[in-house]
Amino acid sequence: NMWHALNSCVLCLCTVCGLRCYTCTVADPKSCTDTKSCPVIFNRCFSLKVDGLVTKGCKNRFLCLIPNSCCETDLCNSAIPTGPSVVLLLVSSAIITLFL
């Protein structure tokens, strides 16, 4: 019937819309207010702080290699990222791998 067809069409459109993420590269994370509707293949939002700059945007889940840098709900990357820099995380991971 017509109602089911319309309902199915609305559901299809919602899945095509993609995830919404904050997107920016700024020194002050509070000034990151721009949002973007991500392409469907980018199914995670990310937020990283490296050398005093915060970068936020869309990313594919397979590229979310740093723990707690990605999330998967609309505008979930609003928090100010904390913790060590990316370089420190990569170096510590390499050292741990050598000893395992």
Protein backbone atom coordinates (compact mmCIF):
# COMPACT_ATOMS: atom_id res chain seq x y z
CA ASN A 1 0.00 0.00 0.00
CA MET A 2 0.99 3.62 -0.41
CA TRP A 3 1.74 4.20 3.31
CA HIS A 4 4.35 1.41 3.45
CA ALA A 5 6.03 2.64 0.27
CA LEU A 6 6.26 6.18 1.64
CA ASN A 7 7.54 4.93 5.01
CA SER A 8 10.22 2.82 3.30
CA CYS A 9 11.32 5.76 1.18
CA VAL A 10 11.74 7.99 4.27
CA LEU A 11 13.83 5.29 5.97
CA CYS A 12 16.08 5.04 2.90
CA LEU A 13 16.63 8.79 2.83
CA CYS A 14 17.63 8.83 6.50
CA THR A 15 20.31 6.19 6.01
CA VAL A 16 21.74 8.07 3.02
CA CYS A 17 22.03 11.33 5.00
CA GLY A 18 25.11 10.13 6.85
CA LEU A 19 26.58 11.08 10.17
CA ARG A 20 26.86 14.72 11.28
CA CYS A 21 30.20 15.76 12.78
CA TYR A 22 31.89 18.92 13.96
CA THR A 23 34.63 19.85 11.52
CA CYS A 24 37.52 22.26 12.10
CA THR A 25 41.23 22.76 12.75
CA VAL A 26 41.60 25.33 15.54
CA ALA A 27 43.70 26.22 18.55
CA ASP A 28 40.64 26.86 20.74
CA PRO A 29 38.31 23.81 20.73
CA LYS A 30 35.39 25.95 21.96
CA SER A 31 35.46 27.85 18.66
CA CYS A 32 34.76 24.68 16.66
CA THR A 33 31.12 25.18 15.70
CA ASP A 34 31.00 24.17 12.01
CA THR A 35 29.18 20.92 11.27
CA LYS A 36 29.18 18.67 8.23
CA SER A 37 27.04 15.84 6.96
CA CYS A 38 29.59 13.11 6.26
CA PRO A 39 29.57 10.95 3.11
CA VAL A 40 28.20 7.49 3.90
CA ILE A 41 31.64 5.80 3.80
CA PHE A 42 32.81 8.06 6.65
CA ASN A 43 30.87 6.48 9.51
CA ARG A 44 32.76 7.98 12.48
CA CYS A 45 33.40 11.45 13.86
CA PHE A 46 36.88 12.14 15.21
CA SER A 47 38.59 14.66 17.42
CA LEU A 48 42.37 14.90 17.89
CA LYS A 49 44.67 17.35 19.62
CA VAL A 50 48.21 17.53 18.26
CA ASP A 51 50.74 20.27 19.02
CA GLY A 52 48.07 22.58 20.44
CA LEU A 53 45.75 22.28 17.43
CA VAL A 54 42.41 20.49 17.62
CA THR A 55 41.20 18.80 14.44
CA LYS A 56 37.66 17.44 14.13
CA GLY A 57 35.84 15.86 11.22
CA CYS A 58 34.60 12.67 9.56
CA LYS A 59 36.57 9.44 9.24
CA ASN A 60 36.07 5.83 8.17
CA ARG A 61 35.98 3.41 11.11
CA PHE A 62 38.99 1.51 9.73
CA LEU A 63 41.10 4.66 10.14
CA CYS A 64 40.22 5.11 13.82
CA LEU A 65 43.46 3.63 15.12
CA ILE A 66 43.90 5.82 18.20
CA PRO A 67 41.75 4.76 21.19
CA ASN A 68 38.93 7.16 22.11
CA SER A 69 39.55 9.47 19.14
CA CYS A 70 36.44 8.37 17.22
CA CYS A 71 32.73 8.12 17.99
CA GLU A 72 29.68 7.10 15.99
CA THR A 73 26.67 9.29 16.82
CA ASP A 74 25.65 12.67 15.41
CA LEU A 75 27.85 15.52 16.68
CA CYS A 76 29.55 13.21 19.19
CA ASN A 77 32.96 14.84 18.64
CA SER A 78 32.05 18.03 20.50
CA ALA A 79 34.19 17.22 23.55
CA ILE A 80 37.61 18.78 23.94
CA PRO A 81 40.15 16.02 23.26
CA THR A 82 42.58 15.33 26.08
CA GLY A 83 45.51 13.06 26.62
CA PRO A 84 48.87 12.57 24.97
CA SER A 85 49.66 13.59 21.44
CA VAL A 86 49.40 11.24 18.49
CA VAL A 87 53.18 10.92 18.25
CA LEU A 88 53.45 9.79 21.87
CA LEU A 89 50.71 7.20 21.34
CA LEU A 90 52.38 5.81 18.24
CA VAL A 91 55.80 5.61 19.90
CA SER A 92 54.40 3.88 22.99
CA SER A 93 52.51 1.39 20.80
CA ALA A 94 55.71 0.58 18.90
CA ILE A 95 57.65 0.02 22.13
CA ILE A 96 54.96 -2.28 23.54
CA THR A 97 54.93 -4.25 20.29
CA LEU A 98 58.69 -4.80 20.52
CA PHE A 99 58.38 -6.40 23.95
CA LEU A 100 55.37 -8.65 23.22
